[in-house]
Amino acid sequence: MGNESVVNAEFFISKLSEAKVTFERALDCKHTEFDDLYPYMLEHPQFFWYKRYVAWSQLLTIAGLCEELGVAWKEEFSPQQVVYLQQRVMSAKVLDFWFEKNDSKEHAQR
C-alpha cells in the first residue's frame, strides 16, 4: 500500500468515526451539527426521527465508500453493528440495540 493509500485510508476512517459519533449522538437525542442547520425544527417531534435518518444515511455512505475503496472499516464497529450496517435498513432493532450495553461507560460519556 502506497503512502497515498495510507493517507486516504486514515481520512476515511476518520470520517467514518465522526459519522458514527454523530449517529450515536442522534440516537441519544444529543446535539449534533444537524441541530445548528435547522434550529427552528427542534420543537417538532419528527425532527429527531429525521435527524437519526440523516445521520444513518451519512454513516452508510461513508461505510460504503470505505468498502468500495478497500478500506478496513469493520474494526470500528461491534460485530452486531457491522451486521446492521450491511443490512442498510435503520429498523427499530438498530435504534434499540445499537448500543449493546446501554449502561456502558463509553455510551454514558458521549
PDB file of N, CA and C in Angstrom:
ATOM      1  N   MET A   1       0.858  -1.177   0.000  1.00  0.00           N
ATOM      2  CA  MET A   1       0.000   0.000   0.000  1.00  0.00           C
ATOM      3  C   MET A   1       0.898   1.232   0.000  1.00  0.00           C
ATOM      4  N   GLY A   2       0.678   2.122  -0.925  1.00  0.00           N
ATOM      5  CA  GLY A   2       1.476   3.331  -1.025  1.00  0.00           C
ATOM      6  C   GLY A   2       1.108   4.343   0.035  1.00  0.00           C
ATOM      7  N   ASN A   3       1.944   5.361   0.155  1.00  0.00           N
ATOM      8  CA  ASN A   3       1.724   6.412   1.154  1.00  0.00           C
ATOM      9  C   ASN A   3       0.384   7.110   0.936  1.00  0.00           C
ATOM     10  N   GLU A   4       0.022   7.339  -0.321  1.00  0.00           N
ATOM     11  CA  GLU A   4      -1.253   7.989  -0.639  1.00  0.00           C
ATOM     12  C   GLU A   4      -2.434   7.129  -0.177  1.00  0.00           C
ATOM     13  N   SER A   5      -2.320   5.820  -0.348  1.00  0.00           N
ATOM     14  CA  SER A   5      -3.381   4.909   0.084  1.00  0.00           C
ATOM     15  C   SER A   5      -3.552   4.939   1.596  1.00  0.00           C
ATOM     16  N   VAL A   6      -2.438   5.028   2.323  1.00  0.00           N
ATOM     17  CA  VAL A   6      -2.497   5.093   3.785  1.00  0.00           C
ATOM     18  C   VAL A   6      -3.182   6.375   4.213  1.00  0.00           C
ATOM     19  N   VAL A   7      -2.836   7.490   3.575  1.00  0.00           N
ATOM     20  CA  VAL A   7      -3.459   8.774   3.900  1.00  0.00           C
ATOM     21  C   VAL A   7      -4.959   8.723   3.602  1.00  0.00           C
ATOM     22  N   ASN A   8      -5.337   8.157   2.465  1.00  0.00           N
ATOM     23  CA  ASN A   8      -6.752   8.028   2.111  1.00  0.00           C
ATOM     24  C   ASN A   8      -7.490   7.157   3.113  1.00  0.00           C
ATOM     25  N   ALA A   9      -6.867   6.039   3.505  1.00  0.00           N
ATOM     26  CA  ALA A   9      -7.498   5.145   4.477  1.00  0.00           C
ATOM     27  C   ALA A   9      -7.692   5.867   5.808  1.00  0.00           C
ATOM     28  N   GLU A  10      -6.691   6.580   6.263  1.00  0.00           N
ATOM     29  CA  GLU A  10      -6.794   7.327   7.523  1.00  0.00           C
ATOM     30  C   GLU A  10      -7.889   8.386   7.429  1.00  0.00           C
ATOM     31  N   PHE A  11      -7.973   9.049   6.298  1.00  0.00           N
ATOM     32  CA  PHE A  11      -9.001  10.070   6.097  1.00  0.00           C
ATOM     33  C   PHE A  11     -10.398   9.453   6.203  1.00  0.00           C
ATOM     34  N   PHE A  12     -10.611   8.341   5.502  1.00  0.00           N
ATOM     35  CA  PHE A  12     -11.937   7.720   5.505  1.00  0.00           C
ATOM     36  C   PHE A  12     -12.292   7.132   6.866  1.00  0.00           C
ATOM     37  N   ILE A  13     -11.327   6.556   7.564  1.00  0.00           N
ATOM     38  CA  ILE A  13     -11.590   6.026   8.902  1.00  0.00           C
ATOM     39  C   ILE A  13     -11.929   7.176   9.845  1.00  0.00           C
ATOM     40  N   SER A  14     -11.258   8.310   9.689  1.00  0.00           N
ATOM     41  CA  SER A  14     -11.559   9.489  10.500  1.00  0.00           C
ATOM     42  C   SER A  14     -12.989   9.963  10.246  1.00  0.00           C
ATOM     43  N   LYS A  15     -13.371  10.046   8.987  1.00  0.00           N
ATOM     44  CA  LYS A  15     -14.731  10.470   8.633  1.00  0.00           C
ATOM     45  C   LYS A  15     -15.771   9.450   9.103  1.00  0.00           C
ATOM     46  N   LEU A  16     -15.427   8.167   9.025  1.00  0.00           N
ATOM     47  CA  LEU A  16     -16.320   7.124   9.496  1.00  0.00           C
ATOM     48  C   LEU A  16     -16.533   7.236  10.999  1.00  0.00           C
ATOM     49  N   SER A  17     -15.469   7.492  11.717  1.00  0.00           N
ATOM     50  CA  SER A  17     -15.561   7.666  13.169  1.00  0.00           C
ATOM     51  C   SER A  17     -16.434   8.865  13.527  1.00  0.00           C
ATOM     52  N   GLU A  18     -16.258   9.957  12.810  1.00  0.00           N
ATOM     53  CA  GLU A  18     -17.090  11.148  13.033  1.00  0.00           C
ATOM     54  C   GLU A  18     -18.565  10.840  12.761  1.00  0.00           C
ATOM     55  N   ALA A  19     -18.827  10.117  11.687  1.00  0.00           N
ATOM     56  CA  ALA A  19     -20.213   9.770  11.333  1.00  0.00           C
ATOM     57  C   ALA A  19     -20.823   8.836  12.380  1.00  0.00           C
ATOM     58  N   LYS A  20     -20.019   7.933  12.910  1.00  0.00           N
ATOM     59  CA  LYS A  20     -20.506   7.022  13.948  1.00  0.00           C
ATOM     60  C   LYS A  20     -20.885   7.809  15.205  1.00  0.00           C
ATOM     61  N   VAL A  21     -20.028   8.719  15.603  1.00  0.00           N
ATOM     62  CA  VAL A  21     -20.321   9.543  16.788  1.00  0.00           C
ATOM     63  C   VAL A  21     -21.578  10.376  16.554  1.00  0.00           C
ATOM     64  N   THR A  22     -21.708  10.958  15.367  1.00  0.00           N
ATOM     65  CA  THR A  22     -22.901  11.751  15.054  1.00  0.00           C
ATOM     66  C   THR A  22     -24.161  10.899  15.130  1.00  0.00           C
ATOM     67  N   PHE A  23     -24.111   9.688  14.566  1.00  0.00           N
ATOM     68  CA  PHE A  23     -25.269   8.800  14.615  1.00  0.00           C
ATOM     69  C   PHE A  23     -25.606   8.441  16.057  1.00  0.00           C
ATOM     70  N   GLU A  24     -24.588   8.127  16.839  1.00  0.00           N
ATOM     71  CA  GLU A  24     -24.828   7.749  18.231  1.00  0.00           C
ATOM     72  C   GLU A  24     -25.367   8.922  19.041  1.00  0.00           C
ATOM     73  N   ARG A  25     -24.904  10.114  18.746  1.00  0.00           N
ATOM     74  CA  ARG A  25     -25.439  11.302  19.423  1.00  0.00           C
ATOM     75  C   ARG A  25     -26.894  11.534  19.003  1.00  0.00           C
ATOM     76  N   ALA A  26     -27.189  11.283  17.737  1.00  0.00           N
ATOM     77  CA  ALA A  26     -28.575  11.425  17.264  1.00  0.00           C
ATOM     78  C   ALA A  26     -29.483  10.401  17.948  1.00  0.00           C
ATOM     79  N   LEU A  27     -28.981   9.182  18.120  1.00  0.00           N
ATOM     80  CA  LEU A  27     -29.763   8.163  18.820  1.00  0.00           C
ATOM     81  C   LEU A  27     -30.091   8.598  20.241  1.00  0.00           C
ATOM     82  N   ASP A  28     -29.144   9.244  20.875  1.00  0.00           N
ATOM     83  CA  ASP A  28     -29.311   9.700  22.263  1.00  0.00           C
ATOM     84  C   ASP A  28     -29.992  11.058  22.368  1.00  0.00           C
ATOM     85  N   CYS A  29     -30.431  11.601  21.231  1.00  0.00           N
ATOM     86  CA  CYS A  29     -31.071  12.922  21.184  1.00  0.00           C
ATOM     87  C   CYS A  29     -30.150  14.012  21.736  1.00  0.00           C
ATOM     88  N   LYS A  30     -28.870  13.866  21.474  1.00  0.00           N
ATOM     89  CA  LYS A  30     -27.907  14.889  21.874  1.00  0.00           C
ATOM     90  C   LYS A  30     -27.640  15.816  20.696  1.00  0.00           C
ATOM     91  N   HIS A  31     -27.024  16.939  20.990  1.00  0.00           N
ATOM     92  CA  HIS A  31     -26.750  17.952  19.973  1.00  0.00           C
ATOM     93  C   HIS A  31     -25.797  17.417  18.908  1.00  0.00           C
ATOM     94  N   THR A  32     -26.128  17.705  17.657  1.00  0.00           N
ATOM     95  CA  THR A  32     -25.243  17.413  16.529  1.00  0.00           C
ATOM     96  C   THR A  32     -25.199  18.647  15.636  1.00  0.00           C
ATOM     97  N   GLU A  33     -24.360  18.596  14.654  1.00  0.00           N
ATOM     98  CA  GLU A  33     -24.251  19.682  13.682  1.00  0.00           C
ATOM     99  C   GLU A  33     -25.599  19.945  13.000  1.00  0.00           C
ATOM    100  N   PHE A  34     -26.371  18.909  12.842  1.00  0.00           N
ATOM    101  CA  PHE A  34     -27.671  18.999  12.182  1.00  0.00           C
ATOM    102  C   PHE A  34     -28.607  19.954  12.922  1.00  0.00           C
ATOM    103  N   ASP A  35     -28.504  19.984  14.255  1.00  0.00           N
ATOM    104  CA  ASP A  35     -29.338  20.890  15.055  1.00  0.00           C
ATOM    105  C   ASP A  35     -29.071  22.346  14.691  1.00  0.00           C
ATOM    106  N   ASP A  36     -27.825  22.649  14.393  1.00  0.00           N
ATOM    107  CA  ASP A  36     -27.458  24.024  14.043  1.00  0.00           C
ATOM    108  C   ASP A  36     -28.009  24.428  12.679  1.00  0.00           C
ATOM    109  N   LEU A  37     -28.179  23.447  11.800  1.00  0.00           N
ATOM    110  CA  LEU A  37     -28.696  23.730  10.463  1.00  0.00           C
ATOM    111  C   LEU A  37     -30.189  24.053  10.478  1.00  0.00           C
ATOM    112  N   TYR A  38     -30.911  23.415  11.395  1.00  0.00           N
ATOM    113  CA  TYR A  38     -32.367  23.560  11.445  1.00  0.00           C
ATOM    114  C   TYR A  38     -32.846  23.869  12.864  1.00  0.00           C
ATOM    115  N   PRO A  39     -32.396  24.976  13.454  1.00  0.00           N
ATOM    116  CA  PRO A  39     -32.771  25.257  14.853  1.00  0.00           C
ATOM    117  C   PRO A  39     -34.275  25.441  15.054  1.00  0.00           C
ATOM    118  N   TYR A  40     -34.976  25.881  14.033  1.00  0.00           N
ATOM    119  CA  TYR A  40     -36.420  26.088  14.142  1.00  0.00           C
ATOM    120  C   TYR A  40     -37.184  24.767  14.215  1.00  0.00           C
ATOM    121  N   MET A  41     -36.533  23.664  13.868  1.00  0.00           N
ATOM    122  CA  MET A  41     -37.193  22.357  13.853  1.00  0.00           C
ATOM    123  C   MET A  41     -37.133  21.638  15.201  1.00  0.00           C
ATOM    124  N   LEU A  42     -36.334  22.135  16.128  1.00  0.00           N
ATOM    125  CA  LEU A  42     -36.130  21.437  17.393  1.00  0.00           C
ATOM    126  C   LEU A  42     -37.424  21.178  18.152  1.00  0.00           C
ATOM    127  N   GLU A  43     -38.422  21.986  17.943  1.00  0.00           N
ATOM    128  CA  GLU A  43     -39.676  21.831  18.672  1.00  0.00           C
ATOM    129  C   GLU A  43     -40.615  20.810  18.036  1.00  0.00           C
ATOM    130  N   HIS A  44     -40.279  20.308  16.875  1.00  0.00           N
ATOM    131  CA  HIS A  44     -41.137  19.356  16.174  1.00  0.00           C
ATOM    132  C   HIS A  44     -40.702  17.923  16.487  1.00  0.00           C
ATOM    133  N   PRO A  45     -41.615  17.085  16.926  1.00  0.00           N
ATOM    134  CA  PRO A  45     -41.266  15.708  17.309  1.00  0.00           C
ATOM    135  C   PRO A  45     -40.613  14.904  16.174  1.00  0.00           C
ATOM    136  N   GLN A  46     -41.029  15.138  14.955  1.00  0.00           N
ATOM    137  CA  GLN A  46     -40.473  14.373  13.832  1.00  0.00           C
ATOM    138  C   GLN A  46     -39.023  14.746  13.535  1.00  0.00           C
ATOM    139  N   PHE A  47     -38.573  15.870  14.086  1.00  0.00           N
ATOM    140  CA  PHE A  47     -37.200  16.300  13.856  1.00  0.00           C
ATOM    141  C   PHE A  47     -36.205  15.238  14.299  1.00  0.00           C
ATOM    142  N   PHE A  48     -36.429  14.596  15.443  1.00  0.00           N
ATOM    143  CA  PHE A  48     -35.465  13.635  15.967  1.00  0.00           C
ATOM    144  C   PHE A  48     -35.394  12.386  15.105  1.00  0.00           C
ATOM    145  N   TRP A  49     -36.520  11.991  14.539  1.00  0.00           N
ATOM    146  CA  TRP A  49     -36.515  10.865  13.605  1.00  0.00           C
ATOM    147  C   TRP A  49     -35.730  11.246  12.344  1.00  0.00           C
ATOM    148  N   TYR A  50     -35.990  12.416  11.826  1.00  0.00           N
ATOM    149  CA  TYR A  50     -35.299  12.855  10.617  1.00  0.00           C
ATOM    150  C   TYR A  50     -33.802  12.996  10.874  1.00  0.00           C
ATOM    151  N   LYS A  51     -33.445  13.535  12.015  1.00  0.00           N
ATOM    152  CA  LYS A  51     -32.038  13.699  12.388  1.00  0.00           C
ATOM    153  C   LYS A  51     -31.326  12.342  12.433  1.00  0.00           C
ATOM    154  N   ARG A  52     -31.994  11.345  12.982  1.00  0.00           N
ATOM    155  CA  ARG A  52     -31.413   9.995  13.019  1.00  0.00           C
ATOM    156  C   ARG A  52     -31.268   9.426  11.614  1.00  0.00           C
ATOM    157  N   TYR A  53     -32.275   9.652  10.798  1.00  0.00           N
ATOM    158  CA  TYR A  53     -32.233   9.150   9.425  1.00  0.00           C
ATOM    159  C   TYR A  53     -31.059   9.769   8.653  1.00  0.00           C
ATOM    160  N   VAL A  54     -30.862  11.061   8.802  1.00  0.00           N
ATOM    161  CA  VAL A  54     -29.766  11.745   8.114  1.00  0.00           C
ATOM    162  C   VAL A  54     -28.418  11.215   8.604  1.00  0.00           C
ATOM    163  N   ALA A  55     -28.271  11.044   9.907  1.00  0.00           N
ATOM    164  CA  ALA A  55     -27.017  10.536  10.467  1.00  0.00           C
ATOM    165  C   ALA A  55     -26.761   9.102  10.004  1.00  0.00           C
ATOM    166  N   TRP A  56     -27.811   8.279   9.945  1.00  0.00           N
ATOM    167  CA  TRP A  56     -27.682   6.897   9.472  1.00  0.00           C
ATOM    168  C   TRP A  56     -27.262   6.882   8.003  1.00  0.00           C
ATOM    169  N   SER A  57     -27.873   7.729   7.208  1.00  0.00           N
ATOM    170  CA  SER A  57     -27.524   7.803   5.785  1.00  0.00           C
ATOM    171  C   SER A  57     -26.070   8.194   5.591  1.00  0.00           C
ATOM    172  N   GLN A  58     -25.608   9.145   6.373  1.00  0.00           N
ATOM    173  CA  GLN A  58     -24.211   9.568   6.294  1.00  0.00           C
ATOM    174  C   GLN A  58     -23.285   8.413   6.672  1.00  0.00           C
ATOM    175  N   LEU A  59     -23.619   7.705   7.727  1.00  0.00           N
ATOM    176  CA  LEU A  59     -22.809   6.567   8.161  1.00  0.00           C
ATOM    177  C   LEU A  59     -22.760   5.480   7.092  1.00  0.00           C
ATOM    178  N   LEU A  60     -23.912   5.172   6.512  1.00  0.00           N
ATOM    179  CA  LEU A  60     -23.957   4.169   5.435  1.00  0.00           C
ATOM    180  C   LEU A  60     -23.137   4.589   4.224  1.00  0.00           C
ATOM    181  N   THR A  61     -23.214   5.858   3.881  1.00  0.00           N
ATOM    182  CA  THR A  61     -22.479   6.363   2.718  1.00  0.00           C
ATOM    183  C   THR A  61     -20.976   6.214   2.916  1.00  0.00           C
ATOM    184  N   ILE A  62     -20.487   6.624   4.065  1.00  0.00           N
ATOM    185  CA  ILE A  62     -19.042   6.557   4.309  1.00  0.00           C
ATOM    186  C   ILE A  62     -18.581   5.107   4.435  1.00  0.00           C
ATOM    187  N   ALA A  63     -19.371   4.261   5.107  1.00  0.00           N
ATOM    188  CA  ALA A  63     -19.017   2.840   5.194  1.00  0.00           C
ATOM    189  C   ALA A  63     -18.996   2.210   3.800  1.00  0.00           C
ATOM    190  N   GLY A  64     -19.941   2.586   2.964  1.00  0.00           N
ATOM    191  CA  GLY A  64     -19.981   2.080   1.589  1.00  0.00           C
ATOM    192  C   GLY A  64     -18.775   2.506   0.777  1.00  0.00           C
ATOM    193  N   LEU A  65     -18.370   3.758   0.943  1.00  0.00           N
ATOM    194  CA  LEU A  65     -17.166   4.237   0.247  1.00  0.00           C
ATOM    195  C   LEU A  65     -15.932   3.488   0.728  1.00  0.00           C
ATOM    196  N   CYS A  66     -15.844   3.270   2.027  1.00  0.00           N
ATOM    197  CA  CYS A  66     -14.720   2.501   2.572  1.00  0.00           C
ATOM    198  C   CYS A  66     -14.679   1.108   1.960  1.00  0.00           C
ATOM    199  N   GLU A  67     -15.839   0.487   1.875  1.00  0.00           N
ATOM    200  CA  GLU A  67     -15.923  -0.855   1.294  1.00  0.00           C
ATOM    201  C   GLU A  67     -15.444  -0.851  -0.158  1.00  0.00           C
ATOM    202  N   GLU A  68     -15.918   0.107  -0.937  1.00  0.00           N
ATOM    203  CA  GLU A  68     -15.534   0.197  -2.354  1.00  0.00           C
ATOM    204  C   GLU A  68     -14.043   0.466  -2.533  1.00  0.00           C
ATOM    205  N   LEU A  69     -13.467   1.238  -1.625  1.00  0.00           N
ATOM    206  CA  LEU A  69     -12.049   1.600  -1.727  1.00  0.00           C
ATOM    207  C   LEU A  69     -11.127   0.582  -1.062  1.00  0.00           C
ATOM    208  N   GLY A  70     -11.707  -0.426  -0.456  1.00  0.00           N
ATOM    209  CA  GLY A  70     -10.894  -1.441   0.202  1.00  0.00           C
ATOM    210  C   GLY A  70     -10.318  -0.989   1.537  1.00  0.00           C
ATOM    211  N   VAL A  71     -10.946   0.002   2.159  1.00  0.00           N
ATOM    212  CA  VAL A  71     -10.507   0.486   3.469  1.00  0.00           C
ATOM    213  C   VAL A  71     -11.169  -0.390   4.534  1.00  0.00           C
ATOM    214  N   ALA A  72     -10.371  -0.916   5.451  1.00  0.00           N
ATOM    215  CA  ALA A  72     -10.893  -1.774   6.517  1.00  0.00           C
ATOM    216  C   ALA A  72     -11.680  -0.927   7.505  1.00  0.00           C
ATOM    217  N   TRP A  73     -12.990  -1.006   7.435  1.00  0.00           N
ATOM    218  CA  TRP A  73     -13.842  -0.170   8.270  1.00  0.00           C
ATOM    219  C   TRP A  73     -14.550  -0.936   9.377  1.00  0.00           C
ATOM    220  N   LYS A  74     -14.675  -2.233   9.229  1.00  0.00           N
ATOM    221  CA  LYS A  74     -15.474  -3.032  10.152  1.00  0.00           C
ATOM    222  C   LYS A  74     -14.904  -3.066  11.572  1.00  0.00           C
ATOM    223  N   GLU A  75     -13.600  -2.846  11.695  1.00  0.00           N
ATOM    224  CA  GLU A  75     -12.961  -2.863  13.005  1.00  0.00           C
ATOM    225  C   GLU A  75     -13.437  -1.725  13.909  1.00  0.00           C
ATOM    226  N   GLU A  76     -14.065  -0.723  13.322  1.00  0.00           N
ATOM    227  CA  GLU A  76     -14.550   0.436  14.079  1.00  0.00           C
ATOM    228  C   GLU A  76     -15.881   0.159  14.775  1.00  0.00           C
ATOM    229  N   PHE A  77     -16.464  -1.013  14.516  1.00  0.00           N
ATOM    230  CA  PHE A  77     -17.795  -1.344  14.999  1.00  0.00           C
ATOM    231  C   PHE A  77     -17.806  -2.706  15.665  1.00  0.00           C
ATOM    232  N   SER A  78     -18.828  -2.927  16.484  1.00  0.00           N
ATOM    233  CA  SER A  78     -19.027  -4.262  17.050  1.00  0.00           C
ATOM    234  C   SER A  78     -19.528  -5.171  15.920  1.00  0.00           C
ATOM    235  N   PRO A  79     -19.400  -6.486  16.085  1.00  0.00           N
ATOM    236  CA  PRO A  79     -19.906  -7.393  15.039  1.00  0.00           C
ATOM    237  C   PRO A  79     -21.392  -7.159  14.730  1.00  0.00           C
ATOM    238  N   GLN A  80     -22.202  -6.900  15.760  1.00  0.00           N
ATOM    239  CA  GLN A  80     -23.633  -6.675  15.528  1.00  0.00           C
ATOM    240  C   GLN A  80     -23.870  -5.375  14.762  1.00  0.00           C
ATOM    241  N   GLN A  81     -23.101  -4.337  15.054  1.00  0.00           N
ATOM    242  CA  GLN A  81     -23.237  -3.073  14.333  1.00  0.00           C
ATOM    243  C   GLN A  81     -22.858  -3.242  12.868  1.00  0.00           C
ATOM    244  N   VAL A  82     -21.854  -4.054  12.588  1.00  0.00           N
ATOM    245  CA  VAL A  82     -21.476  -4.336  11.198  1.00  0.00           C
ATOM    246  C   VAL A  82     -22.647  -4.984  10.464  1.00  0.00           C
ATOM    247  N   VAL A  83     -23.329  -5.916  11.131  1.00  0.00           N
ATOM    248  CA  VAL A  83     -24.496  -6.569  10.525  1.00  0.00           C
ATOM    249  C   VAL A  83     -25.566  -5.531  10.207  1.00  0.00           C
ATOM    250  N   TYR A  84     -25.834  -4.633  11.151  1.00  0.00           N
ATOM    251  CA  TYR A  84     -26.839  -3.594  10.917  1.00  0.00           C
ATOM    252  C   TYR A  84     -26.459  -2.756   9.703  1.00  0.00           C
ATOM    253  N   LEU A  85     -25.202  -2.371   9.629  1.00  0.00           N
ATOM    254  CA  LEU A  85     -24.754  -1.534   8.503  1.00  0.00           C
ATOM    255  C   LEU A  85     -24.842  -2.289   7.181  1.00  0.00           C
ATOM    256  N   GLN A  86     -24.522  -3.558   7.201  1.00  0.00           N
ATOM    257  CA  GLN A  86     -24.599  -4.345   5.970  1.00  0.00           C
ATOM    258  C   GLN A  86     -26.051  -4.557   5.533  1.00  0.00           C
ATOM    259  N   GLN A  87     -26.977  -4.597   6.483  1.00  0.00           N
ATOM    260  CA  GLN A  87     -28.390  -4.724   6.138  1.00  0.00           C
ATOM    261  C   GLN A  87     -28.972  -3.413   5.630  1.00  0.00           C
ATOM    262  N   ARG A  88     -28.318  -2.308   5.970  1.00  0.00           N
ATOM    263  CA  ARG A  88     -28.600  -0.969   5.469  1.00  0.00           C
ATOM    264  C   ARG A  88     -29.917  -0.346   5.953  1.00  0.00           C
ATOM    265  N   VAL A  89     -30.797  -1.076   6.568  1.00  0.00           N
ATOM    266  CA  VAL A  89     -32.101  -0.556   6.973  1.00  0.00           C
ATOM    267  C   VAL A  89     -32.028  -0.108   8.434  1.00  0.00           C
ATOM    268  N   MET A  90     -32.414   1.138   8.679  1.00  0.00           N
ATOM    269  CA  MET A  90     -32.450   1.629  10.051  1.00  0.00           C
ATOM    270  C   MET A  90     -33.782   1.201  10.657  1.00  0.00           C
ATOM    271  N   SER A  91     -33.785   0.028  11.230  1.00  0.00           N
ATOM    272  CA  SER A  91     -35.003  -0.540  11.815  1.00  0.00           C
ATOM    273  C   SER A  91     -35.071  -0.210  13.304  1.00  0.00           C
ATOM    274  N   ALA A  92     -36.177  -0.582  13.912  1.00  0.00           N
ATOM    275  CA  ALA A  92     -36.321  -0.407  15.357  1.00  0.00           C
ATOM    276  C   ALA A  92     -35.238  -1.195  16.085  1.00  0.00           C
ATOM    277  N   LYS A  93     -34.835  -2.312  15.508  1.00  0.00           N
ATOM    278  CA  LYS A  93     -33.777  -3.123  16.111  1.00  0.00           C
ATOM    279  C   LYS A  93     -32.470  -2.332  16.201  1.00  0.00           C
ATOM    280  N   VAL A  94     -32.143  -1.610  15.155  1.00  0.00           N
ATOM    281  CA  VAL A  94     -30.933  -0.780  15.154  1.00  0.00           C
ATOM    282  C   VAL A  94     -31.057   0.298  16.228  1.00  0.00           C
ATOM    283  N   LEU A  95     -32.198   0.954  16.274  1.00  0.00           N
ATOM    284  CA  LEU A  95     -32.394   2.026  17.249  1.00  0.00           C
ATOM    285  C   LEU A  95     -32.338   1.506  18.682  1.00  0.00           C
ATOM    286  N   ASP A  96     -32.894   0.322  18.912  1.00  0.00           N
ATOM    287  CA  ASP A  96     -32.951  -0.218  20.265  1.00  0.00           C
ATOM    288  C   ASP A  96     -31.663  -0.909  20.707  1.00  0.00           C
ATOM    289  N   PHE A  97     -30.939  -1.498  19.766  1.00  0.00           N
ATOM    290  CA  PHE A  97     -29.806  -2.337  20.153  1.00  0.00           C
ATOM    291  C   PHE A  97     -28.463  -1.903  19.573  1.00  0.00           C
ATOM    292  N   TRP A  98     -28.371  -0.698  19.020  1.00  0.00           N
ATOM    293  CA  TRP A  98     -27.082  -0.227  18.502  1.00  0.00           C
ATOM    294  C   TRP A  98     -26.032  -0.272  19.606  1.00  0.00           C
ATOM    295  N   PHE A  99     -26.398   0.247  20.753  1.00  0.00           N
ATOM    296  CA  PHE A  99     -25.521   0.157  21.919  1.00  0.00           C
ATOM    297  C   PHE A  99     -25.837  -1.175  22.588  1.00  0.00           C
ATOM    298  N   GLU A 100     -24.934  -2.117  22.469  1.00  0.00           N
ATOM    299  CA  GLU A 100     -25.218  -3.445  23.003  1.00  0.00           C
ATOM    300  C   GLU A 100     -25.433  -3.413  24.510  1.00  0.00           C
ATOM    301  N   LYS A 101     -24.726  -2.504  25.163  1.00  0.00           N
ATOM    302  CA  LYS A 101     -24.898  -2.320  26.603  1.00  0.00           C
ATOM    303  C   LYS A 101     -25.099  -0.838  26.842  1.00  0.00           C
ATOM    304  N   ASN A 102     -26.335  -0.428  26.995  1.00  0.00           N
ATOM    305  CA  ASN A 102     -26.637   0.989  27.146  1.00  0.00           C
ATOM    306  C   ASN A 102     -26.091   1.588  28.429  1.00  0.00           C
ATOM    307  N   ASP A 103     -25.646   0.756  29.353  1.00  0.00           N
ATOM    308  CA  ASP A 103     -25.113   1.287  30.591  1.00  0.00           C
ATOM    309  C   ASP A 103     -23.584   1.349  30.579  1.00  0.00           C
ATOM    310  N   SER A 104     -22.975   1.118  29.414  1.00  0.00           N
ATOM    311  CA  SER A 104     -21.518   1.124  29.348  1.00  0.00           C
ATOM    312  C   SER A 104     -20.964   2.515  29.585  1.00  0.00           C
ATOM    313  N   LYS A 105     -19.742   2.562  30.091  1.00  0.00           N
ATOM    314  CA  LYS A 105     -19.090   3.836  30.389  1.00  0.00           C
ATOM    315  C   LYS A 105     -18.915   4.660  29.108  1.00  0.00           C
ATOM    316  N   GLU A 106     -18.537   3.992  28.010  1.00  0.00           N
ATOM    317  CA  GLU A 106     -18.342   4.691  26.736  1.00  0.00           C
ATOM    318  C   GLU A 106     -19.635   5.367  26.290  1.00  0.00           C
ATOM    319  N   HIS A 107     -20.752   4.651  26.405  1.00  0.00           N
ATOM    320  CA  HIS A 107     -22.048   5.191  25.981  1.00  0.00           C
ATOM    321  C   HIS A 107     -22.420   6.393  26.822  1.00  0.00           C
ATOM    322  N   ALA A 108     -22.184   6.334  28.115  1.00  0.00           N
ATOM    323  CA  ALA A 108     -22.569   7.416  29.016  1.00  0.00           C
ATOM    324  C   ALA A 108     -21.762   8.702  28.771  1.00  0.00           C
ATOM    325  N   GLN A 109     -20.547   8.553  28.280  1.00  0.00           N
ATOM    326  CA  GLN A 109     -19.682   9.728  28.087  1.00  0.00           C
ATOM    327  C   GLN A 109     -19.944  10.465  26.793  1.00  0.00           C
ATOM    328  N   ARG A 110     -20.646   9.887  25.878  1.00  0.00           N
ATOM    329  CA  ARG A 110     -20.839  10.524  24.572  1.00  0.00           C
ATOM    330  C   ARG A 110     -21.864  11.602  24.625  1.00  0.00           C
TER     331      ARG A 110
END
